[in-house]
PDB file of N, CA and C in Angstrom:
ATOM      1  N   LEU A   1      11.740   0.678   9.721  1.00  0.00           N
ATOM      2  CA  LEU A   1      10.772   0.822  10.664  1.00  0.00           C
ATOM      3  C   LEU A   1       9.582   0.490   9.671  1.00  0.00           C
ATOM      4  N   GLY A   2       8.927  -0.521   9.926  1.00  0.00           N
ATOM      5  CA  GLY A   2       7.720  -0.959   9.167  1.00  0.00           C
ATOM      6  C   GLY A   2       6.473  -0.693   9.981  1.00  0.00           C
ATOM      7  N   VAL A   3       5.501  -0.157   9.195  1.00  0.00           N
ATOM      8  CA  VAL A   3       4.102   0.383   9.690  1.00  0.00           C
ATOM      9  C   VAL A   3       3.259  -0.560   8.995  1.00  0.00           C
ATOM     10  N   PRO A   4       2.553  -1.521   9.455  1.00  0.00           N
ATOM     11  CA  PRO A   4       1.392  -2.089   8.561  1.00  0.00           C
ATOM     12  C   PRO A   4       0.056  -1.225   8.626  1.00  0.00           C
ATOM     13  N   VAL A   5      -0.778  -1.814   7.726  1.00  0.00           N
ATOM     14  CA  VAL A   5      -2.055  -1.199   7.799  1.00  0.00           C
ATOM     15  C   VAL A   5      -2.784  -1.584   8.831  1.00  0.00           C
ATOM     16  N   PRO A   6      -3.559  -0.771   9.666  1.00  0.00           N
ATOM     17  CA  PRO A   6      -4.161  -1.215  10.837  1.00  0.00           C
ATOM     18  C   PRO A   6      -5.301  -2.324  10.233  1.00  0.00           C
ATOM     19  N   ASP A   7      -5.327  -3.617  11.074  1.00  0.00           N
ATOM     20  CA  ASP A   7      -6.063  -4.517  10.648  1.00  0.00           C
ATOM     21  C   ASP A   7      -7.634  -4.331  10.156  1.00  0.00           C
ATOM     22  N   HIS A   8      -8.300  -3.267  10.928  1.00  0.00           N
ATOM     23  CA  HIS A   8      -9.623  -2.914  10.559  1.00  0.00           C
ATOM     24  C   HIS A   8      -9.803  -2.312   9.432  1.00  0.00           C
ATOM     25  N   LEU A   9      -8.586  -2.002   8.735  1.00  0.00           N
ATOM     26  CA  LEU A   9      -8.712  -0.961   7.517  1.00  0.00           C
ATOM     27  C   LEU A   9      -8.147  -1.709   6.261  1.00  0.00           C
ATOM     28  N   ALA A  10      -7.390  -3.108   6.674  1.00  0.00           N
ATOM     29  CA  ALA A  10      -6.752  -3.769   5.541  1.00  0.00           C
ATOM     30  C   ALA A  10      -7.782  -4.632   4.596  1.00  0.00           C
ATOM     31  N   ALA A  11      -7.335  -4.810   3.570  1.00  0.00           N
ATOM     32  CA  ALA A  11      -8.156  -5.485   2.559  1.00  0.00           C
ATOM     33  C   ALA A  11      -7.963  -7.080   2.879  1.00  0.00           C
ATOM     34  N   GLU A  12      -8.924  -7.758   2.530  1.00  0.00           N
ATOM     35  CA  GLU A  12      -8.800  -9.396   2.821  1.00  0.00           C
ATOM     36  C   GLU A  12      -7.548  -9.791   2.001  1.00  0.00           C
ATOM     37  N   GLY A  13      -6.817 -10.581   2.687  1.00  0.00           N
ATOM     38  CA  GLY A  13      -5.430 -11.121   2.130  1.00  0.00           C
ATOM     39  C   GLY A  13      -5.591 -11.907   0.864  1.00  0.00           C
ATOM     40  N   GLN A  14      -6.534 -13.046   0.903  1.00  0.00           N
ATOM     41  CA  GLN A  14      -6.556 -13.665  -0.282  1.00  0.00           C
ATOM     42  C   GLN A  14      -7.227 -13.096  -1.577  1.00  0.00           C
ATOM     43  N   LEU A  15      -7.978 -11.965  -1.323  1.00  0.00           N
ATOM     44  CA  LEU A  15      -8.487 -11.107  -2.434  1.00  0.00           C
ATOM     45  C   LEU A  15      -7.325 -10.405  -3.118  1.00  0.00           C
ATOM     46  N   LEU A  16      -6.404  -9.983  -2.082  1.00  0.00           N
ATOM     47  CA  LEU A  16      -5.395  -9.097  -2.720  1.00  0.00           C
ATOM     48  C   LEU A  16      -4.167 -10.140  -3.427  1.00  0.00           C
ATOM     49  N   GLU A  17      -4.138 -11.202  -2.974  1.00  0.00           N
ATOM     50  CA  GLU A  17      -3.128 -12.212  -3.355  1.00  0.00           C
ATOM     51  C   GLU A  17      -3.621 -12.697  -4.681  1.00  0.00           C
ATOM     52  N   ASP A  18      -4.770 -13.066  -4.829  1.00  0.00           N
ATOM     53  CA  ASP A  18      -5.494 -13.321  -6.060  1.00  0.00           C
ATOM     54  C   ASP A  18      -5.517 -12.421  -7.280  1.00  0.00           C
ATOM     55  N   ALA A  19      -5.716 -11.136  -6.912  1.00  0.00           N
ATOM     56  CA  ALA A  19      -5.818  -9.929  -7.690  1.00  0.00           C
ATOM     57  C   ALA A  19      -4.400  -9.748  -8.280  1.00  0.00           C
ATOM     58  N   THR A  20      -3.367  -9.779  -7.282  1.00  0.00           N
ATOM     59  CA  THR A  20      -2.060  -9.636  -7.702  1.00  0.00           C
ATOM     60  C   THR A  20      -1.396 -10.414  -8.608  1.00  0.00           C
ATOM     61  N   ARG A  21      -1.854 -11.705  -8.414  1.00  0.00           N
ATOM     62  CA  ARG A  21      -1.240 -12.791  -9.405  1.00  0.00           C
ATOM     63  C   ARG A  21      -2.133 -12.723 -10.594  1.00  0.00           C
ATOM     64  N   GLN A  22      -3.280 -12.430 -10.537  1.00  0.00           N
ATOM     65  CA  GLN A  22      -3.865 -12.330 -12.198  1.00  0.00           C
ATOM     66  C   GLN A  22      -3.094 -11.116 -12.786  1.00  0.00           C
ATOM     67  N   ALA A  23      -3.274  -9.975 -11.985  1.00  0.00           N
ATOM     68  CA  ALA A  23      -2.717  -8.745 -12.737  1.00  0.00           C
ATOM     69  C   ALA A  23      -1.085  -9.004 -13.207  1.00  0.00           C
ATOM     70  N   VAL A  24      -0.500  -9.734 -12.535  1.00  0.00           N
ATOM     71  CA  VAL A  24       0.979  -9.978 -12.976  1.00  0.00           C
ATOM     72  C   VAL A  24       0.932 -10.868 -14.212  1.00  0.00           C
ATOM     73  N   ASP A  25       0.165 -11.837 -14.027  1.00  0.00           N
ATOM     74  CA  ASP A  25      -0.037 -13.008 -15.323  1.00  0.00           C
ATOM     75  C   ASP A  25      -0.618 -11.935 -16.685  1.00  0.00           C
ATOM     76  N   GLU A  26      -1.610 -11.189 -16.376  1.00  0.00           N
ATOM     77  CA  GLU A  26      -1.966 -10.208 -17.344  1.00  0.00           C
ATOM     78  C   GLU A  26      -0.895  -9.283 -17.891  1.00  0.00           C
ATOM     79  N   SER A  27       0.011  -8.885 -17.232  1.00  0.00           N
ATOM     80  CA  SER A  27       0.846  -8.024 -17.435  1.00  0.00           C
ATOM     81  C   SER A  27       1.925  -8.531 -18.185  1.00  0.00           C
ATOM     82  N   MET A  28       2.564  -9.857 -17.960  1.00  0.00           N
ATOM     83  CA  MET A  28       3.397 -10.707 -18.738  1.00  0.00           C
ATOM     84  C   MET A  28       2.612 -11.074 -19.935  1.00  0.00           C
ATOM     85  N   GLN A  29       1.515 -11.492 -20.055  1.00  0.00           N
ATOM     86  CA  GLN A  29       0.755 -11.913 -21.476  1.00  0.00           C
ATOM     87  C   GLN A  29       0.497 -10.705 -22.212  1.00  0.00           C
ATOM     88  N   GLN A  30       0.545  -9.568 -21.689  1.00  0.00           N
ATOM     89  CA  GLN A  30       0.273  -8.378 -22.539  1.00  0.00           C
ATOM     90  C   GLN A  30       1.881  -7.513 -22.985  1.00  0.00           C
ATOM     91  N   GLY A  31       2.975  -8.300 -22.478  1.00  0.00           N
ATOM     92  CA  GLY A  31       4.321  -7.648 -22.795  1.00  0.00           C
ATOM     93  C   GLY A  31       4.623  -6.517 -22.151  1.00  0.00           C
ATOM     94  N   ILE A  32       3.745  -5.993 -20.963  1.00  0.00           N
ATOM     95  CA  ILE A  32       4.213  -4.655 -20.415  1.00  0.00           C
ATOM     96  C   ILE A  32       5.301  -4.807 -19.473  1.00  0.00           C
ATOM     97  N   LYS A  33       6.279  -3.980 -19.846  1.00  0.00           N
ATOM     98  CA  LYS A  33       7.557  -4.028 -19.155  1.00  0.00           C
ATOM     99  C   LYS A  33       7.979  -2.664 -18.681  1.00  0.00           C
ATOM    100  N   GLY A  34       9.098  -2.792 -17.985  1.00  0.00           N
ATOM    101  CA  GLY A  34       9.784  -1.528 -17.480  1.00  0.00           C
ATOM    102  C   GLY A  34       8.808  -0.676 -16.548  1.00  0.00           C
ATOM    103  N   ASN A  35       8.925   0.850 -17.109  1.00  0.00           N
ATOM    104  CA  ASN A  35       8.212   1.608 -15.875  1.00  0.00           C
ATOM    105  C   ASN A  35       6.739   1.697 -16.198  1.00  0.00           C
ATOM    106  N   GLU A  36       6.217   0.763 -17.077  1.00  0.00           N
ATOM    107  CA  GLU A  36       4.720   0.725 -17.309  1.00  0.00           C
ATOM    108  C   GLU A  36       4.194  -0.450 -16.440  1.00  0.00           C
ATOM    109  N   VAL A  37       5.014  -1.278 -15.648  1.00  0.00           N
ATOM    110  CA  VAL A  37       4.529  -2.444 -14.962  1.00  0.00           C
ATOM    111  C   VAL A  37       3.612  -1.755 -13.800  1.00  0.00           C
ATOM    112  N   THR A  38       4.394  -1.063 -12.906  1.00  0.00           N
ATOM    113  CA  THR A  38       3.797  -0.625 -11.730  1.00  0.00           C
ATOM    114  C   THR A  38       2.414   0.006 -11.769  1.00  0.00           C
ATOM    115  N   PRO A  39       2.228   0.834 -12.864  1.00  0.00           N
ATOM    116  CA  PRO A  39       0.895   1.653 -12.865  1.00  0.00           C
ATOM    117  C   PRO A  39      -0.127   0.920 -13.593  1.00  0.00           C
ATOM    118  N   PHE A  40       0.339  -0.109 -14.354  1.00  0.00           N
ATOM    119  CA  PHE A  40      -0.798  -1.331 -14.861  1.00  0.00           C
ATOM    120  C   PHE A  40      -1.158  -2.237 -13.711  1.00  0.00           C
ATOM    121  N   LEU A  41      -0.176  -2.485 -12.893  1.00  0.00           N
ATOM    122  CA  LEU A  41      -0.359  -3.296 -11.810  1.00  0.00           C
ATOM    123  C   LEU A  41      -1.495  -2.822 -10.660  1.00  0.00           C
ATOM    124  N   LEU A  42      -1.129  -1.621 -10.430  1.00  0.00           N
ATOM    125  CA  LEU A  42      -1.998  -0.858  -9.178  1.00  0.00           C
ATOM    126  C   LEU A  42      -3.244  -0.681 -10.036  1.00  0.00           C
ATOM    127  N   LYS A  43      -3.370  -0.177 -11.204  1.00  0.00           N
ATOM    128  CA  LYS A  43      -4.741  -0.030 -11.980  1.00  0.00           C
ATOM    129  C   LYS A  43      -5.557  -1.471 -11.814  1.00  0.00           C
ATOM    130  N   ARG A  44      -4.951  -2.401 -12.191  1.00  0.00           N
ATOM    131  CA  ARG A  44      -5.480  -3.528 -12.616  1.00  0.00           C
ATOM    132  C   ARG A  44      -6.132  -4.190 -11.143  1.00  0.00           C
ATOM    133  N   ILE A  45      -5.044  -4.224 -10.325  1.00  0.00           N
ATOM    134  CA  ILE A  45      -5.326  -4.723  -8.880  1.00  0.00           C
ATOM    135  C   ILE A  45      -6.506  -3.880  -8.488  1.00  0.00           C
ATOM    136  N   ASN A  46      -6.555  -2.759  -8.638  1.00  0.00           N
ATOM    137  CA  ASN A  46      -7.671  -2.006  -8.027  1.00  0.00           C
ATOM    138  C   ASN A  46      -9.001  -2.226  -8.528  1.00  0.00           C
ATOM    139  N   GLU A  47      -9.002  -2.551 -10.122  1.00  0.00           N
ATOM    140  CA  GLU A  47     -10.201  -2.973 -10.503  1.00  0.00           C
ATOM    141  C   GLU A  47     -10.588  -4.282 -10.197  1.00  0.00           C
ATOM    142  N   LEU A  48      -9.656  -5.398 -10.020  1.00  0.00           N
ATOM    143  CA  LEU A  48     -10.040  -6.650  -9.676  1.00  0.00           C
ATOM    144  C   LEU A  48     -10.552  -6.821  -8.001  1.00  0.00           C
ATOM    145  N   THR A  49     -10.118  -5.638  -7.249  1.00  0.00           N
ATOM    146  CA  THR A  49     -10.592  -5.918  -6.007  1.00  0.00           C
ATOM    147  C   THR A  49     -11.801  -4.836  -5.697  1.00  0.00           C
ATOM    148  N   GLY A  50     -12.235  -4.483  -6.817  1.00  0.00           N
ATOM    149  CA  GLY A  50     -13.573  -3.327  -6.608  1.00  0.00           C
ATOM    150  C   GLY A  50     -13.118  -2.188  -5.835  1.00  0.00           C
ATOM    151  N   GLY A  51     -11.786  -1.801  -5.798  1.00  0.00           N
ATOM    152  CA  GLY A  51     -11.322  -0.655  -5.215  1.00  0.00           C
ATOM    153  C   GLY A  51     -10.955  -0.868  -3.800  1.00  0.00           C
ATOM    154  N   GLU A  52     -11.014  -1.987  -3.345  1.00  0.00           N
ATOM    155  CA  GLU A  52     -10.315  -2.342  -1.864  1.00  0.00           C
ATOM    156  C   GLU A  52      -9.041  -2.088  -1.824  1.00  0.00           C
ATOM    157  N   SER A  53      -8.200  -2.541  -2.855  1.00  0.00           N
ATOM    158  CA  SER A  53      -6.828  -2.319  -2.787  1.00  0.00           C
ATOM    159  C   SER A  53      -6.323  -0.732  -2.551  1.00  0.00           C
ATOM    160  N   LEU A  54      -6.971   0.219  -3.530  1.00  0.00           N
ATOM    161  CA  LEU A  54      -6.849   1.490  -3.247  1.00  0.00           C
ATOM    162  C   LEU A  54      -7.201   2.008  -1.811  1.00  0.00           C
ATOM    163  N   ARG A  55      -8.344   1.524  -1.482  1.00  0.00           N
ATOM    164  CA  ARG A  55      -8.767   1.952   0.041  1.00  0.00           C
ATOM    165  C   ARG A  55      -7.650   1.705   0.924  1.00  0.00           C
ATOM    166  N   THR A  56      -7.308   0.353   1.025  1.00  0.00           N
ATOM    167  CA  THR A  56      -6.071  -0.112   1.786  1.00  0.00           C
ATOM    168  C   THR A  56      -4.777   0.779   1.629  1.00  0.00           C
ATOM    169  N   ASN A  57      -4.526   1.019   0.509  1.00  0.00           N
ATOM    170  CA  ASN A  57      -3.180   1.928   0.133  1.00  0.00           C
ATOM    171  C   ASN A  57      -3.406   3.346   0.937  1.00  0.00           C
ATOM    172  N   ILE A  58      -4.710   3.800   0.668  1.00  0.00           N
ATOM    173  CA  ILE A  58      -4.667   5.231   1.192  1.00  0.00           C
ATOM    174  C   ILE A  58      -4.778   5.110   2.662  1.00  0.00           C
ATOM    175  N   ALA A  59      -5.319   4.042   3.339  1.00  0.00           N
ATOM    176  CA  ALA A  59      -5.329   3.793   4.824  1.00  0.00           C
ATOM    177  C   ALA A  59      -3.983   3.940   5.360  1.00  0.00           C
ATOM    178  N   LEU A  60      -2.865   2.989   4.592  1.00  0.00           N
ATOM    179  CA  LEU A  60      -1.689   2.864   4.729  1.00  0.00           C
ATOM    180  C   LEU A  60      -0.831   4.276   4.968  1.00  0.00           C
ATOM    181  N   ILE A  61      -1.022   4.864   3.834  1.00  0.00           N
ATOM    182  CA  ILE A  61      -0.483   6.248   3.897  1.00  0.00           C
ATOM    183  C   ILE A  61      -0.882   7.163   4.961  1.00  0.00           C
ATOM    184  N   LYS A  62      -1.982   7.136   5.320  1.00  0.00           N
ATOM    185  CA  LYS A  62      -2.547   8.045   6.163  1.00  0.00           C
ATOM    186  C   LYS A  62      -1.980   7.393   7.565  1.00  0.00           C
ATOM    187  N   HIS A  63      -1.781   6.182   7.837  1.00  0.00           N
ATOM    188  CA  HIS A  63      -1.172   5.579   8.866  1.00  0.00           C
ATOM    189  C   HIS A  63       0.253   5.849   9.197  1.00  0.00           C
ATOM    190  N   ASN A  64       0.918   5.638   7.969  1.00  0.00           N
ATOM    191  CA  ASN A  64       2.223   6.197   8.192  1.00  0.00           C
ATOM    192  C   ASN A  64       2.729   7.516   8.447  1.00  0.00           C
ATOM    193  N   ALA A  65       1.864   8.391   7.884  1.00  0.00           N
ATOM    194  CA  ALA A  65       1.880   9.790   8.367  1.00  0.00           C
ATOM    195  C   ALA A  65       1.470  10.001   9.813  1.00  0.00           C
ATOM    196  N   GLU A  66       0.523   9.404  10.285  1.00  0.00           N
ATOM    197  CA  GLU A  66       0.296   9.334  11.840  1.00  0.00           C
ATOM    198  C   GLU A  66       1.620   9.049  12.711  1.00  0.00           C
ATOM    199  N   VAL A  67       2.117   7.948  12.165  1.00  0.00           N
ATOM    200  CA  VAL A  67       3.159   7.223  13.083  1.00  0.00           C
ATOM    201  C   VAL A  67       4.501   8.241  12.956  1.00  0.00           C
ATOM    202  N   GLY A  68       4.724   8.766  11.688  1.00  0.00           N
ATOM    203  CA  GLY A  68       5.823   9.415  11.407  1.00  0.00           C
ATOM    204  C   GLY A  68       5.594  10.863  12.162  1.00  0.00           C
ATOM    205  N   ALA A  69       4.337  11.443  12.319  1.00  0.00           N
ATOM    206  CA  ALA A  69       4.278  12.591  13.175  1.00  0.00           C
ATOM    207  C   ALA A  69       4.322  12.152  14.768  1.00  0.00           C
ATOM    208  N   GLN A  70       4.089  11.189  14.931  1.00  0.00           N
ATOM    209  CA  GLN A  70       4.243  10.779  16.540  1.00  0.00           C
ATOM    210  C   GLN A  70       5.781  10.522  16.882  1.00  0.00           C
ATOM    211  N   LEU A  71       6.451   9.901  15.746  1.00  0.00           N
ATOM    212  CA  LEU A  71       7.886   9.749  16.023  1.00  0.00           C
ATOM    213  C   LEU A  71       8.321  11.232  16.075  1.00  0.00           C
ATOM    214  N   ALA A  72       8.023  12.030  14.984  1.00  0.00           N
ATOM    215  CA  ALA A  72       8.696  13.387  15.194  1.00  0.00           C
ATOM    216  C   ALA A  72       8.547  14.219  16.553  1.00  0.00           C
ATOM    217  N   ILE A  73       7.491  14.005  16.911  1.00  0.00           N
ATOM    218  CA  ILE A  73       7.031  14.647  18.374  1.00  0.00           C
ATOM    219  C   ILE A  73       8.125  14.097  19.350  1.00  0.00           C
ATOM    220  N   HIS A  74       8.127  12.865  19.470  1.00  0.00           N
ATOM    221  CA  HIS A  74       8.792  12.001  20.482  1.00  0.00           C
ATOM    222  C   HIS A  74      10.274  12.541  20.292  1.00  0.00           C
ATOM    223  N   PHE A  75      10.896  12.540  18.903  1.00  0.00           N
ATOM    224  CA  PHE A  75      12.263  12.985  18.871  1.00  0.00           C
ATOM    225  C   PHE A  75      12.457  14.457  19.215  1.00  0.00           C
ATOM    226  N   ALA A  76      11.527  15.170  18.946  1.00  0.00           N
ATOM    227  CA  ALA A  76      11.682  16.713  19.280  1.00  0.00           C
ATOM    228  C   ALA A  76      11.792  17.095  20.777  1.00  0.00           C
ATOM    229  N   LYS A  77      10.863  16.060  21.520  1.00  0.00           N
ATOM    230  CA  LYS A  77      10.825  16.086  22.804  1.00  0.00           C
ATOM    231  C   LYS A  77      12.307  15.799  23.524  1.00  0.00           C
ATOM    232  N   LEU A  78      12.726  14.580  22.830  1.00  0.00           N
ATOM    233  CA  LEU A  78      14.032  14.130  23.372  1.00  0.00           C
ATOM    234  C   LEU A  78      15.091  15.103  23.093  1.00  0.00           C
ATOM    235  N   GLY A  79      15.097  15.787  21.942  1.00  0.00           N
ATOM    236  CA  GLY A  79      16.123  16.907  21.753  1.00  0.00           C
ATOM    237  C   GLY A  79      15.980  18.239  22.595  1.00  0.00           C
ATOM    238  N   ALA A  80      14.910  18.404  22.921  1.00  0.00           N
ATOM    239  CA  ALA A  80      14.698  19.752  23.854  1.00  0.00           C
ATOM    240  C   ALA A  80      14.922  19.176  25.159  1.00  0.00           C
ATOM    241  N   SER A  81      15.054  18.165  25.738  1.00  0.00           N
ATOM    242  CA  SER A  81      15.198  17.912  27.121  1.00  0.00           C
ATOM    243  C   SER A  81      16.783  17.681  27.118  1.00  0.00           C
ATOM    244  N   LYS A  82      17.695  18.034  26.295  1.00  0.00           N
ATOM    245  CA  LYS A  82      19.117  17.748  26.406  1.00  0.00           C
ATOM    246  C   LYS A  82      19.787  19.350  26.661  1.00  0.00           C
TER     247      LYS A  82
END
């Protein structure tokens, strides 16, 4: 099940793409490897987007929780009707 960020809460696509490309390039230039890559990328992309990527990620987490709760209620009702 894929749950996208609601359009009105999503960061601008080109901004994120450019920031991600730059952050990946920087990580390679700095020799960042293994379990250090993801924290570096998240921090650097957040810096490059002026916090927009973090706001979008938080919105995604909240939206996923809302959809998950709605699914749980739906499945609980299905189970109760048997």
